[in-house]
């Protein structure tokens, strides 16, 4: 079933549209990491979020005092929207590997309103053309364009009934897990190919024994 249809340069939905400010609120908390000394923290910068998929990239905890600037606070279930060069589609859902911590002020930290919008659905809808098609008219700055929070919150998105959102979110979670598995497989293949070739040459075989992974 297709929930969304694209028409020309704008997207149309069979579901009601609401502005982001009607379905989220911005988390306002911030902290100065320098005051936390060398205790390990989870800090997310834009460089840690993969474009499109929202997966974490090269993330590791670090000493708090290694972060030199004031940072925003995020909690489990928050959605972090990268406002600098927003066309890069860097949107992270705070679940799984990193569920709470601090992040760059280049993120807008959004709290999905309970009973209105499901966080995982929200994360994904923020990467669709409903948002990306509208961002261009709001971006400011030539060298490092940004969208300000007020403009972001004015963007309308489709908001299906909660039961529909939950079903969509469950399907999206399964696809996220599939993507993670496929990416791990792709990353492992070069080493597996070399190992298979080496073993074949040692054994004098024309068959490469390469682990194909789960079907």
N, C-alpha and C. Protein backbone atom coordinates (compact mmCIF):
# COMPACT_ATOMS: atom_id res chain seq x y z
N UNK A 1 0.84 -1.19 0.00
CA UNK A 1 0.00 0.00 0.00
C UNK A 1 0.88 1.25 0.00
N UNK A 2 0.57 2.22 -0.79
CA UNK A 2 1.33 3.47 -0.82
C UNK A 2 0.61 4.51 0.03
N UNK A 3 1.26 4.96 1.09
CA UNK A 3 0.65 5.94 1.98
C UNK A 3 0.81 7.37 1.44
N UNK A 4 1.93 7.59 0.76
CA UNK A 4 2.24 8.92 0.29
C UNK A 4 2.40 8.92 -1.22
N UNK A 5 1.94 9.97 -1.86
CA UNK A 5 2.10 10.10 -3.30
C UNK A 5 2.78 11.42 -3.57
N UNK A 6 3.69 11.43 -4.55
CA UNK A 6 4.39 12.67 -4.87
C UNK A 6 3.80 13.26 -6.14
N UNK A 7 3.50 14.54 -6.09
CA UNK A 7 2.89 15.22 -7.21
C UNK A 7 3.72 16.44 -7.57
N UNK A 8 4.40 16.42 -8.72
CA UNK A 8 5.24 17.54 -9.11
C UNK A 8 6.36 17.74 -8.12
N UNK A 9 6.49 18.98 -7.59
CA UNK A 9 7.56 19.28 -6.66
C UNK A 9 7.10 19.20 -5.21
N UNK A 10 5.86 18.85 -4.99
CA UNK A 10 5.37 18.76 -3.62
C UNK A 10 4.75 17.40 -3.39
N UNK A 11 4.70 17.00 -2.13
CA UNK A 11 4.15 15.71 -1.79
C UNK A 11 2.73 15.86 -1.28
N UNK A 12 1.88 14.90 -1.65
CA UNK A 12 0.50 14.89 -1.17
C UNK A 12 0.28 13.62 -0.37
N UNK A 13 -0.53 13.69 0.65
CA UNK A 13 -0.78 12.54 1.50
C UNK A 13 -2.28 12.32 1.65
N UNK A 14 -2.64 11.05 1.81
CA UNK A 14 -4.03 10.72 2.09
C UNK A 14 -4.37 10.98 3.56
N UNK A 15 -3.34 11.26 4.37
CA UNK A 15 -3.54 11.50 5.79
C UNK A 15 -3.57 13.01 6.08
N UNK A 16 -4.20 13.40 7.19
CA UNK A 16 -4.24 14.83 7.55
C UNK A 16 -2.84 15.40 7.75
N UNK A 17 -2.69 16.69 7.41
CA UNK A 17 -1.42 17.37 7.57
C UNK A 17 -1.47 18.24 8.83
N UNK A 18 -0.36 18.23 9.57
CA UNK A 18 -0.21 19.13 10.73
C UNK A 18 1.20 19.69 10.72
N UNK A 19 1.36 20.92 11.21
CA UNK A 19 2.71 21.46 11.30
C UNK A 19 3.47 20.74 12.40
N UNK A 20 4.79 20.75 12.27
CA UNK A 20 5.61 20.10 13.29
C UNK A 20 5.35 20.65 14.68
N UNK A 21 5.14 21.96 14.80
CA UNK A 21 4.95 22.53 16.13
C UNK A 21 3.67 22.02 16.80
N UNK A 22 2.77 21.40 16.01
CA UNK A 22 1.55 20.83 16.59
C UNK A 22 1.76 19.42 17.12
N UNK A 23 2.88 18.79 16.74
CA UNK A 23 3.09 17.38 17.11
C UNK A 23 4.36 17.15 17.92
N UNK A 24 5.19 18.19 18.07
CA UNK A 24 6.43 18.06 18.85
C UNK A 24 6.61 19.29 19.73
N UNK A 25 7.54 19.18 20.66
CA UNK A 25 8.06 20.37 21.32
C UNK A 25 9.57 20.27 21.32
N UNK A 26 10.23 21.40 21.35
CA UNK A 26 11.69 21.42 21.34
C UNK A 26 12.22 21.23 22.75
N UNK A 27 13.19 20.33 22.90
CA UNK A 27 13.84 20.19 24.21
C UNK A 27 14.82 21.35 24.39
N UNK A 28 14.73 22.03 25.51
CA UNK A 28 15.49 23.25 25.72
C UNK A 28 16.78 23.06 26.53
N UNK A 29 16.92 21.91 27.17
CA UNK A 29 18.06 21.72 28.08
C UNK A 29 19.41 21.81 27.39
N UNK A 30 20.38 22.41 28.07
CA UNK A 30 21.74 22.51 27.56
C UNK A 30 22.71 22.43 28.73
N UNK A 31 23.98 22.16 28.44
CA UNK A 31 24.98 22.03 29.49
C UNK A 31 26.34 22.46 28.96
N UNK A 32 27.23 22.79 29.88
CA UNK A 32 28.61 23.09 29.53
C UNK A 32 29.45 21.85 29.87
N UNK A 33 29.88 21.08 28.89
CA UNK A 33 30.62 19.84 29.15
C UNK A 33 31.90 20.07 29.96
N UNK A 34 32.48 21.26 29.87
CA UNK A 34 33.71 21.54 30.59
C UNK A 34 33.54 21.39 32.10
N UNK A 35 32.33 21.55 32.57
CA UNK A 35 32.06 21.45 34.01
C UNK A 35 31.97 20.00 34.48
N UNK A 36 31.96 19.06 33.55
CA UNK A 36 31.82 17.65 33.90
C UNK A 36 33.17 16.94 34.01
N UNK A 37 34.24 17.68 33.83
CA UNK A 37 35.56 17.09 33.96
C UNK A 37 35.85 16.06 32.87
N UNK A 38 36.53 14.97 33.28
CA UNK A 38 36.92 13.97 32.29
C UNK A 38 36.01 12.74 32.30
N UNK A 39 34.84 12.86 32.92
CA UNK A 39 33.93 11.71 32.92
C UNK A 39 33.47 11.40 31.50
N UNK A 40 33.32 10.11 31.17
CA UNK A 40 32.92 9.74 29.81
C UNK A 40 31.47 10.13 29.54
N UNK A 41 31.24 10.66 28.35
CA UNK A 41 29.89 11.07 27.95
C UNK A 41 29.61 10.59 26.54
N UNK A 42 28.33 10.56 26.20
CA UNK A 42 27.90 10.30 24.83
C UNK A 42 27.64 11.65 24.18
N UNK A 43 28.50 12.01 23.23
CA UNK A 43 28.35 13.27 22.52
C UNK A 43 28.14 12.98 21.05
N UNK A 44 27.09 13.56 20.47
CA UNK A 44 26.81 13.38 19.05
C UNK A 44 27.00 14.70 18.31
N UNK A 45 27.83 14.65 17.29
CA UNK A 45 27.96 15.74 16.34
C UNK A 45 27.32 15.32 15.02
N UNK A 46 27.18 16.25 14.12
CA UNK A 46 26.60 15.91 12.82
C UNK A 46 27.39 14.80 12.13
N UNK A 47 28.70 14.78 12.36
CA UNK A 47 29.55 13.77 11.71
C UNK A 47 29.25 12.36 12.16
N UNK A 48 28.52 12.21 13.27
CA UNK A 48 28.23 10.87 13.80
C UNK A 48 26.93 10.28 13.25
N UNK A 49 26.19 11.03 12.46
CA UNK A 49 24.89 10.55 11.96
C UNK A 49 24.97 10.38 10.44
N UNK A 50 24.65 9.19 9.98
CA UNK A 50 24.69 8.90 8.54
C UNK A 50 23.52 9.57 7.84
N UNK A 51 23.79 10.19 6.72
CA UNK A 51 22.74 10.83 5.94
C UNK A 51 21.67 9.82 5.54
N UNK A 52 20.44 10.22 5.62
CA UNK A 52 19.33 9.39 5.17
C UNK A 52 18.88 8.35 6.17
N UNK A 53 19.77 7.41 6.50
CA UNK A 53 19.37 6.29 7.36
C UNK A 53 19.37 6.63 8.84
N UNK A 54 20.15 7.65 9.26
CA UNK A 54 20.20 8.01 10.66
C UNK A 54 21.02 7.07 11.53
N UNK A 55 21.78 6.17 10.93
CA UNK A 55 22.66 5.28 11.70
C UNK A 55 23.82 6.08 12.29
N UNK A 56 24.37 5.57 13.39
CA UNK A 56 25.55 6.19 13.96
C UNK A 56 26.79 5.76 13.18
N UNK A 57 27.74 6.70 13.04
CA UNK A 57 28.97 6.46 12.30
C UNK A 57 30.16 6.83 13.18
N UNK A 58 31.07 5.87 13.39
CA UNK A 58 32.31 6.12 14.13
C UNK A 58 32.05 6.82 15.46
N UNK A 59 31.07 6.32 16.19
CA UNK A 59 30.75 6.91 17.48
C UNK A 59 31.48 6.18 18.60
N UNK A 60 31.96 6.93 19.57
CA UNK A 60 32.54 6.37 20.80
C UNK A 60 32.38 7.41 21.90
N UNK A 61 32.20 6.95 23.12
CA UNK A 61 32.16 7.89 24.23
C UNK A 61 33.50 8.61 24.35
N UNK A 62 33.48 9.80 24.94
CA UNK A 62 34.68 10.62 25.05
C UNK A 62 34.65 11.38 26.36
N UNK A 63 35.79 11.88 26.83
CA UNK A 63 35.79 12.70 28.05
C UNK A 63 34.98 13.97 27.83
N UNK A 64 34.19 14.32 28.82
CA UNK A 64 33.32 15.48 28.69
C UNK A 64 34.11 16.74 28.36
N UNK A 65 35.28 16.92 29.00
CA UNK A 65 36.02 18.16 28.79
C UNK A 65 36.72 18.24 27.44
N UNK A 66 36.56 17.18 26.61
CA UNK A 66 37.08 17.26 25.24
C UNK A 66 36.11 17.99 24.32
N UNK A 67 34.89 18.22 24.81
CA UNK A 67 33.89 18.99 24.05
C UNK A 67 34.01 20.44 24.51
N UNK A 68 34.39 21.30 23.61
CA UNK A 68 34.78 22.67 23.98
C UNK A 68 33.63 23.67 24.02
N UNK A 69 32.48 23.31 23.49
CA UNK A 69 31.39 24.29 23.42
C UNK A 69 30.15 23.79 24.15
N UNK A 70 29.30 24.72 24.53
CA UNK A 70 28.04 24.38 25.18
C UNK A 70 27.24 23.46 24.29
N UNK A 71 26.56 22.47 24.86
CA UNK A 71 25.88 21.43 24.08
C UNK A 71 24.45 21.24 24.55
N UNK A 72 23.63 20.73 23.65
CA UNK A 72 22.24 20.43 23.98
C UNK A 72 22.14 19.05 24.64
N UNK A 73 21.12 18.89 25.44
CA UNK A 73 20.84 17.61 26.10
C UNK A 73 19.75 16.88 25.33
N UNK A 74 19.90 15.55 25.18
CA UNK A 74 18.82 14.77 24.60
C UNK A 74 18.56 13.53 25.45
N UNK A 75 17.31 13.04 25.38
CA UNK A 75 16.87 11.90 26.16
C UNK A 75 16.33 10.81 25.24
N UNK A 76 16.09 9.64 25.83
CA UNK A 76 15.59 8.51 25.05
C UNK A 76 14.28 8.89 24.35
N UNK A 77 14.20 8.55 23.06
CA UNK A 77 13.00 8.81 22.28
C UNK A 77 13.00 10.15 21.58
N UNK A 78 13.97 11.03 21.91
CA UNK A 78 14.07 12.31 21.22
C UNK A 78 14.50 12.09 19.77
N UNK A 79 14.15 13.04 18.93
CA UNK A 79 14.57 13.02 17.52
C UNK A 79 15.47 14.23 17.30
N UNK A 80 16.70 13.97 16.84
CA UNK A 80 17.69 15.01 16.61
C UNK A 80 17.73 15.33 15.11
N UNK A 81 17.40 16.57 14.78
CA UNK A 81 17.35 16.99 13.38
C UNK A 81 18.53 17.92 13.09
N UNK A 82 19.39 17.54 12.15
CA UNK A 82 20.54 18.35 11.79
C UNK A 82 20.11 19.58 11.00
N UNK A 83 20.29 20.75 11.61
CA UNK A 83 19.80 21.97 10.98
C UNK A 83 20.83 22.62 10.06
N UNK A 84 22.13 22.27 10.22
CA UNK A 84 23.13 22.80 9.30
C UNK A 84 23.21 21.91 8.07
N UNK A 85 23.15 22.53 6.89
CA UNK A 85 23.06 21.79 5.63
C UNK A 85 21.98 20.70 5.74
N UNK A 86 20.75 21.11 6.02
CA UNK A 86 19.69 20.13 6.28
C UNK A 86 19.39 19.21 5.11
N UNK A 87 19.85 19.59 3.90
CA UNK A 87 19.64 18.71 2.75
C UNK A 87 20.41 17.39 2.90
N UNK A 88 21.36 17.34 3.85
CA UNK A 88 22.10 16.10 4.09
C UNK A 88 21.24 15.06 4.82
N UNK A 89 20.08 15.50 5.34
CA UNK A 89 19.13 14.54 5.93
C UNK A 89 19.74 13.76 7.10
N UNK A 90 20.32 14.48 8.04
CA UNK A 90 20.90 13.83 9.21
C UNK A 90 19.91 13.93 10.36
N UNK A 91 19.18 12.84 10.58
CA UNK A 91 18.12 12.80 11.59
C UNK A 91 18.31 11.53 12.42
N UNK A 92 18.47 11.68 13.72
CA UNK A 92 18.76 10.55 14.59
C UNK A 92 17.67 10.36 15.64
N UNK A 93 17.23 9.10 15.80
CA UNK A 93 16.29 8.74 16.86
C UNK A 93 17.09 8.19 18.03
N UNK A 94 16.93 8.80 19.21
CA UNK A 94 17.71 8.41 20.39
C UNK A 94 17.15 7.11 20.98
N UNK A 95 17.53 6.02 20.35
CA UNK A 95 17.18 4.68 20.82
C UNK A 95 18.33 3.75 20.48
N UNK A 96 18.45 2.67 21.25
CA UNK A 96 19.47 1.69 20.93
C UNK A 96 20.83 2.04 21.48
N UNK A 97 21.84 2.17 20.61
CA UNK A 97 23.22 2.34 21.03
C UNK A 97 23.42 3.59 21.89
N UNK A 98 22.81 4.70 21.51
CA UNK A 98 22.92 5.94 22.29
C UNK A 98 21.52 6.49 22.52
N UNK A 99 21.07 6.40 23.76
CA UNK A 99 19.69 6.79 24.09
C UNK A 99 19.62 8.13 24.82
N UNK A 100 20.71 8.58 25.39
CA UNK A 100 20.72 9.89 26.02
C UNK A 100 22.14 10.41 26.08
N UNK A 101 22.28 11.72 26.13
CA UNK A 101 23.60 12.31 26.16
C UNK A 101 23.50 13.77 25.81
N UNK A 102 24.57 14.29 25.19
CA UNK A 102 24.58 15.67 24.73
C UNK A 102 24.93 15.70 23.25
N UNK A 103 24.58 16.79 22.60
CA UNK A 103 24.81 16.86 21.16
C UNK A 103 25.14 18.28 20.74
N UNK A 104 25.63 18.40 19.53
CA UNK A 104 25.96 19.69 18.95
C UNK A 104 24.72 20.59 18.90
N UNK A 105 24.96 21.89 19.01
CA UNK A 105 23.86 22.85 18.87
C UNK A 105 23.40 22.95 17.42
N UNK A 106 24.06 22.21 16.51
CA UNK A 106 23.59 22.16 15.12
C UNK A 106 22.44 21.18 14.96
N UNK A 107 22.05 20.53 16.04
CA UNK A 107 20.84 19.71 16.05
C UNK A 107 19.69 20.48 16.69
N UNK A 108 18.49 20.28 16.16
CA UNK A 108 17.27 20.66 16.86
C UNK A 108 16.76 19.40 17.55
N UNK A 109 16.61 19.44 18.85
CA UNK A 109 16.18 18.26 19.62
C UNK A 109 14.66 18.32 19.79
N UNK A 110 13.98 17.33 19.22
CA UNK A 110 12.52 17.32 19.21
C UNK A 110 11.97 16.21 20.09
N UNK A 111 10.94 16.53 20.85
CA UNK A 111 10.22 15.55 21.67
C UNK A 111 8.87 15.30 21.01
N UNK A 112 8.63 14.05 20.60
CA UNK A 112 7.34 13.70 20.02
C UNK A 112 6.27 13.74 21.09
N UNK A 113 5.18 14.45 20.83
CA UNK A 113 4.11 14.54 21.82
C UNK A 113 3.40 13.20 21.95
N UNK A 114 3.37 12.71 23.18
CA UNK A 114 2.75 11.40 23.44
C UNK A 114 1.27 11.44 23.06
N UNK A 115 0.84 10.39 22.39
CA UNK A 115 -0.54 10.30 21.95
C UNK A 115 -0.83 11.06 20.68
N UNK A 116 0.21 11.66 20.10
CA UNK A 116 0.04 12.42 18.86
C UNK A 116 0.90 11.85 17.74
N UNK A 117 2.18 11.65 18.05
CA UNK A 117 3.08 11.15 17.01
C UNK A 117 4.07 10.16 17.63
N UNK A 118 4.39 9.10 16.90
CA UNK A 118 5.30 8.05 17.34
C UNK A 118 6.73 8.46 16.95
N UNK A 119 7.69 8.42 17.89
CA UNK A 119 9.04 8.90 17.59
C UNK A 119 9.68 8.28 16.35
N UNK A 120 9.58 6.98 16.18
CA UNK A 120 10.23 6.36 15.01
C UNK A 120 9.55 6.81 13.72
N UNK A 121 8.24 6.92 13.71
CA UNK A 121 7.54 7.45 12.54
C UNK A 121 8.01 8.87 12.27
N UNK A 122 8.10 9.69 13.32
CA UNK A 122 8.53 11.07 13.17
C UNK A 122 9.92 11.15 12.55
N UNK A 123 10.87 10.34 13.07
CA UNK A 123 12.22 10.37 12.53
C UNK A 123 12.23 10.15 11.02
N UNK A 124 11.47 9.15 10.59
CA UNK A 124 11.48 8.81 9.17
C UNK A 124 10.74 9.83 8.32
N UNK A 125 9.63 10.35 8.83
CA UNK A 125 8.88 11.31 8.01
C UNK A 125 9.68 12.60 7.83
N UNK A 126 10.58 12.91 8.79
CA UNK A 126 11.41 14.10 8.66
C UNK A 126 12.44 13.97 7.54
N UNK A 127 12.66 12.75 7.05
CA UNK A 127 13.61 12.56 5.95
C UNK A 127 12.91 12.45 4.59
N UNK A 128 11.59 12.56 4.58
CA UNK A 128 10.86 12.43 3.33
C UNK A 128 10.73 13.77 2.62
N UNK A 129 10.18 13.73 1.41
CA UNK A 129 10.02 14.95 0.61
C UNK A 129 9.05 15.94 1.25
N UNK A 130 8.21 15.48 2.19
CA UNK A 130 7.31 16.42 2.89
C UNK A 130 8.12 17.51 3.59
N UNK A 131 9.31 17.15 4.05
CA UNK A 131 10.18 18.11 4.71
C UNK A 131 11.27 18.62 3.75
N UNK A 132 11.95 17.72 3.08
CA UNK A 132 13.10 18.12 2.27
C UNK A 132 12.71 19.06 1.13
N UNK A 133 11.53 18.90 0.56
CA UNK A 133 11.10 19.78 -0.53
C UNK A 133 10.86 21.21 -0.05
N UNK A 134 10.60 21.36 1.25
CA UNK A 134 10.28 22.69 1.78
C UNK A 134 11.47 23.40 2.42
N UNK A 135 12.51 22.64 2.71
CA UNK A 135 13.64 23.21 3.43
C UNK A 135 14.35 24.29 2.63
N UNK A 136 14.44 24.11 1.31
CA UNK A 136 15.20 25.04 0.48
C UNK A 136 14.78 26.48 0.63
N UNK A 137 13.51 26.73 0.83
CA UNK A 137 13.04 28.12 0.91
C UNK A 137 13.30 28.75 2.28
N UNK A 138 13.76 27.94 3.22
CA UNK A 138 14.01 28.46 4.57
C UNK A 138 15.50 28.60 4.90
N UNK A 139 16.36 27.94 4.15
CA UNK A 139 17.77 27.92 4.51
C UNK A 139 18.39 29.31 4.46
N UNK A 140 19.23 29.60 5.45
CA UNK A 140 19.93 30.87 5.48
C UNK A 140 21.42 30.65 5.61
N UNK A 141 22.22 31.54 5.07
CA UNK A 141 23.67 31.42 5.13
C UNK A 141 24.19 30.83 3.84
N UNK A 142 25.24 31.42 3.30
CA UNK A 142 25.75 30.98 2.00
C UNK A 142 26.74 29.83 2.14
N UNK A 143 27.74 29.98 3.00
CA UNK A 143 28.78 28.97 3.13
C UNK A 143 28.27 27.72 3.86
N UNK A 144 27.60 27.93 4.99
CA UNK A 144 27.08 26.82 5.79
C UNK A 144 25.59 27.06 6.04
N UNK A 145 24.75 26.76 5.07
CA UNK A 145 23.32 27.07 5.20
C UNK A 145 22.67 26.29 6.33
N UNK A 146 21.74 26.96 7.01
CA UNK A 146 21.02 26.35 8.13
C UNK A 146 19.54 26.67 8.01
N UNK A 147 18.73 25.88 8.70
CA UNK A 147 17.33 26.21 8.87
C UNK A 147 17.12 26.53 10.35
N UNK A 148 16.41 27.63 10.64
CA UNK A 148 16.19 27.92 12.06
C UNK A 148 15.01 27.10 12.58
N UNK A 149 14.95 27.00 13.89
CA UNK A 149 13.96 26.12 14.52
C UNK A 149 12.53 26.54 14.20
N UNK A 150 12.26 27.84 14.23
CA UNK A 150 10.90 28.31 13.95
C UNK A 150 10.43 27.91 12.57
N UNK A 151 11.31 28.03 11.57
CA UNK A 151 10.94 27.64 10.21
C UNK A 151 10.73 26.13 10.11
N UNK A 152 11.61 25.37 10.75
CA UNK A 152 11.45 23.91 10.74
C UNK A 152 10.09 23.52 11.31
N UNK A 153 9.72 24.13 12.44
CA UNK A 153 8.48 23.76 13.11
C UNK A 153 7.24 24.20 12.33
N UNK A 154 7.42 25.08 11.36
CA UNK A 154 6.27 25.52 10.55
C UNK A 154 5.96 24.59 9.39
N UNK A 155 6.83 23.60 9.17
CA UNK A 155 6.65 22.69 8.03
C UNK A 155 5.54 21.68 8.34
N UNK A 156 4.58 21.51 7.42
CA UNK A 156 3.53 20.52 7.63
C UNK A 156 3.98 19.11 7.24
N UNK A 157 3.54 18.14 8.01
CA UNK A 157 3.82 16.73 7.71
C UNK A 157 2.52 15.94 7.83
N UNK A 158 2.43 14.79 7.17
CA UNK A 158 1.25 13.95 7.34
C UNK A 158 1.27 13.27 8.70
N UNK A 159 0.12 13.23 9.36
CA UNK A 159 0.03 12.60 10.68
C UNK A 159 -1.12 11.59 10.67
N UNK A 160 -0.80 10.32 10.37
CA UNK A 160 -1.83 9.28 10.38
C UNK A 160 -2.34 9.02 11.79
N UNK A 161 -3.44 8.29 11.93
CA UNK A 161 -3.90 7.86 13.25
C UNK A 161 -2.79 7.08 13.96
N UNK A 162 -2.81 7.10 15.29
CA UNK A 162 -1.74 6.48 16.06
C UNK A 162 -1.55 5.00 15.73
N UNK A 163 -2.66 4.26 15.55
CA UNK A 163 -2.50 2.84 15.26
C UNK A 163 -1.78 2.62 13.93
N UNK A 164 -2.03 3.48 12.97
CA UNK A 164 -1.34 3.39 11.68
C UNK A 164 0.14 3.73 11.86
N UNK A 165 0.41 4.77 12.65
CA UNK A 165 1.80 5.13 12.91
C UNK A 165 2.57 3.98 13.56
N UNK A 166 1.93 3.33 14.52
CA UNK A 166 2.60 2.21 15.20
C UNK A 166 2.89 1.07 14.23
N UNK A 167 1.96 0.78 13.34
CA UNK A 167 2.21 -0.28 12.36
C UNK A 167 3.33 0.12 11.40
N UNK A 168 3.32 1.38 10.98
CA UNK A 168 4.41 1.86 10.12
C UNK A 168 5.74 1.77 10.85
N UNK A 169 5.76 2.21 12.12
CA UNK A 169 7.00 2.21 12.89
C UNK A 169 7.56 0.80 13.05
N UNK A 170 6.68 -0.18 13.25
CA UNK A 170 7.13 -1.57 13.39
C UNK A 170 7.78 -2.05 12.10
N UNK A 171 7.18 -1.70 10.97
CA UNK A 171 7.77 -2.09 9.68
C UNK A 171 9.10 -1.37 9.44
N UNK A 172 9.16 -0.10 9.81
CA UNK A 172 10.39 0.65 9.63
C UNK A 172 11.51 0.09 10.50
N UNK A 173 11.17 -0.35 11.72
CA UNK A 173 12.17 -0.95 12.60
C UNK A 173 12.75 -2.21 11.97
N UNK A 174 11.90 -3.04 11.40
CA UNK A 174 12.38 -4.26 10.73
C UNK A 174 13.31 -3.92 9.58
N UNK A 175 12.98 -2.90 8.81
CA UNK A 175 13.82 -2.49 7.69
C UNK A 175 15.14 -1.90 8.18
N UNK A 176 15.10 -1.16 9.29
CA UNK A 176 16.34 -0.65 9.87
C UNK A 176 17.26 -1.81 10.24
N UNK A 177 16.70 -2.84 10.88
CA UNK A 177 17.52 -3.99 11.28
C UNK A 177 18.08 -4.71 10.06
N UNK A 178 17.27 -4.82 9.01
CA UNK A 178 17.74 -5.44 7.79
C UNK A 178 18.89 -4.64 7.19
N UNK A 179 18.75 -3.31 7.19
CA UNK A 179 19.80 -2.45 6.65
C UNK A 179 21.10 -2.62 7.42
N UNK A 180 21.00 -2.67 8.75
CA UNK A 180 22.20 -2.84 9.58
C UNK A 180 22.89 -4.16 9.25
N UNK A 181 22.09 -5.23 9.11
CA UNK A 181 22.66 -6.53 8.77
C UNK A 181 23.34 -6.53 7.41
N UNK A 182 22.69 -5.90 6.43
CA UNK A 182 23.28 -5.82 5.09
C UNK A 182 24.56 -5.00 5.09
N UNK A 183 24.57 -3.90 5.85
CA UNK A 183 25.78 -3.07 5.89
C UNK A 183 26.94 -3.83 6.53
N UNK A 184 26.66 -4.56 7.58
CA UNK A 184 27.71 -5.36 8.21
C UNK A 184 28.24 -6.41 7.25
N UNK A 185 27.33 -6.99 6.48
CA UNK A 185 27.74 -7.98 5.50
C UNK A 185 28.64 -7.36 4.43
N UNK A 186 28.25 -6.21 3.92
CA UNK A 186 29.05 -5.53 2.91
C UNK A 186 30.43 -5.17 3.46
N UNK A 187 30.47 -4.70 4.70
CA UNK A 187 31.75 -4.30 5.30
C UNK A 187 32.66 -5.50 5.53
N UNK A 188 32.06 -6.68 5.77
CA UNK A 188 32.86 -7.87 6.04
C UNK A 188 33.33 -8.57 4.76
N UNK A 189 32.66 -8.32 3.63
CA UNK A 189 32.95 -9.06 2.40
C UNK A 189 34.39 -8.96 1.90
N UNK A 190 35.02 -7.78 1.90
CA UNK A 190 36.40 -7.74 1.39
C UNK A 190 37.34 -8.71 2.11
N UNK A 191 37.27 -8.75 3.45
CA UNK A 191 38.12 -9.67 4.20
C UNK A 191 37.75 -11.12 3.91
N UNK A 192 36.45 -11.40 3.78
CA UNK A 192 36.02 -12.77 3.48
C UNK A 192 36.51 -13.21 2.11
N UNK A 193 36.48 -12.31 1.15
CA UNK A 193 36.95 -12.64 -0.20
C UNK A 193 38.45 -12.97 -0.19
N UNK A 194 39.24 -12.16 0.52
CA UNK A 194 40.68 -12.41 0.59
C UNK A 194 40.98 -13.73 1.28
N UNK A 195 40.24 -13.97 2.38
CA UNK A 195 40.44 -15.23 3.10
C UNK A 195 40.08 -16.42 2.23
N UNK A 196 38.93 -16.30 1.52
CA UNK A 196 38.51 -17.40 0.66
C UNK A 196 39.50 -17.67 -0.45
N UNK A 197 40.04 -16.62 -1.06
CA UNK A 197 41.02 -16.78 -2.12
C UNK A 197 42.30 -17.40 -1.59
N UNK A 198 42.76 -16.93 -0.43
CA UNK A 198 43.99 -17.48 0.15
C UNK A 198 43.84 -18.97 0.43
N UNK A 199 42.72 -19.38 1.02
CA UNK A 199 42.49 -20.78 1.34
C UNK A 199 42.40 -21.64 0.08
N UNK A 200 41.78 -21.09 -0.96
CA UNK A 200 41.68 -21.83 -2.22
C UNK A 200 43.06 -22.04 -2.84
N UNK A 201 43.91 -21.01 -2.78
CA UNK A 201 45.26 -21.13 -3.33
C UNK A 201 46.10 -22.12 -2.54
N UNK A 202 45.94 -22.14 -1.21
CA UNK A 202 46.67 -23.09 -0.37
C UNK A 202 46.23 -24.52 -0.66
N UNK A 203 44.92 -24.70 -0.83
CA UNK A 203 44.37 -26.04 -1.04
C UNK A 203 44.44 -26.50 -2.49
N UNK A 204 44.77 -25.58 -3.39
CA UNK A 204 44.78 -25.94 -4.80
C UNK A 204 43.38 -26.15 -5.34
N UNK A 205 42.44 -25.38 -4.88
CA UNK A 205 41.03 -25.52 -5.28
C UNK A 205 40.61 -24.33 -6.12
N UNK A 206 39.62 -24.58 -6.97
CA UNK A 206 39.06 -23.47 -7.75
C UNK A 206 37.80 -22.92 -7.11
N UNK A 207 37.49 -23.40 -5.92
CA UNK A 207 36.28 -22.98 -5.22
C UNK A 207 36.63 -22.13 -4.01
N UNK A 208 36.08 -20.91 -3.96
CA UNK A 208 36.30 -20.04 -2.81
C UNK A 208 35.23 -20.31 -1.76
N UNK A 209 35.69 -20.69 -0.57
CA UNK A 209 34.76 -20.93 0.53
C UNK A 209 34.56 -19.61 1.27
N UNK A 210 33.47 -18.95 0.94
CA UNK A 210 33.15 -17.67 1.57
C UNK A 210 31.83 -17.79 2.31
N UNK A 211 31.87 -17.43 3.58
CA UNK A 211 30.66 -17.50 4.39
C UNK A 211 29.60 -16.57 3.80
N UNK A 212 28.47 -17.12 3.42
CA UNK A 212 27.40 -16.33 2.80
C UNK A 212 26.48 -15.66 3.81
N UNK A 213 26.69 -15.98 5.09
CA UNK A 213 25.84 -15.34 6.11
C UNK A 213 24.44 -15.92 6.08
N UNK A 214 23.57 -15.43 6.98
CA UNK A 214 22.19 -15.91 7.05
C UNK A 214 21.41 -15.52 5.81
N UNK A 215 20.52 -16.39 5.38
CA UNK A 215 19.67 -16.10 4.22
C UNK A 215 18.50 -15.22 4.61
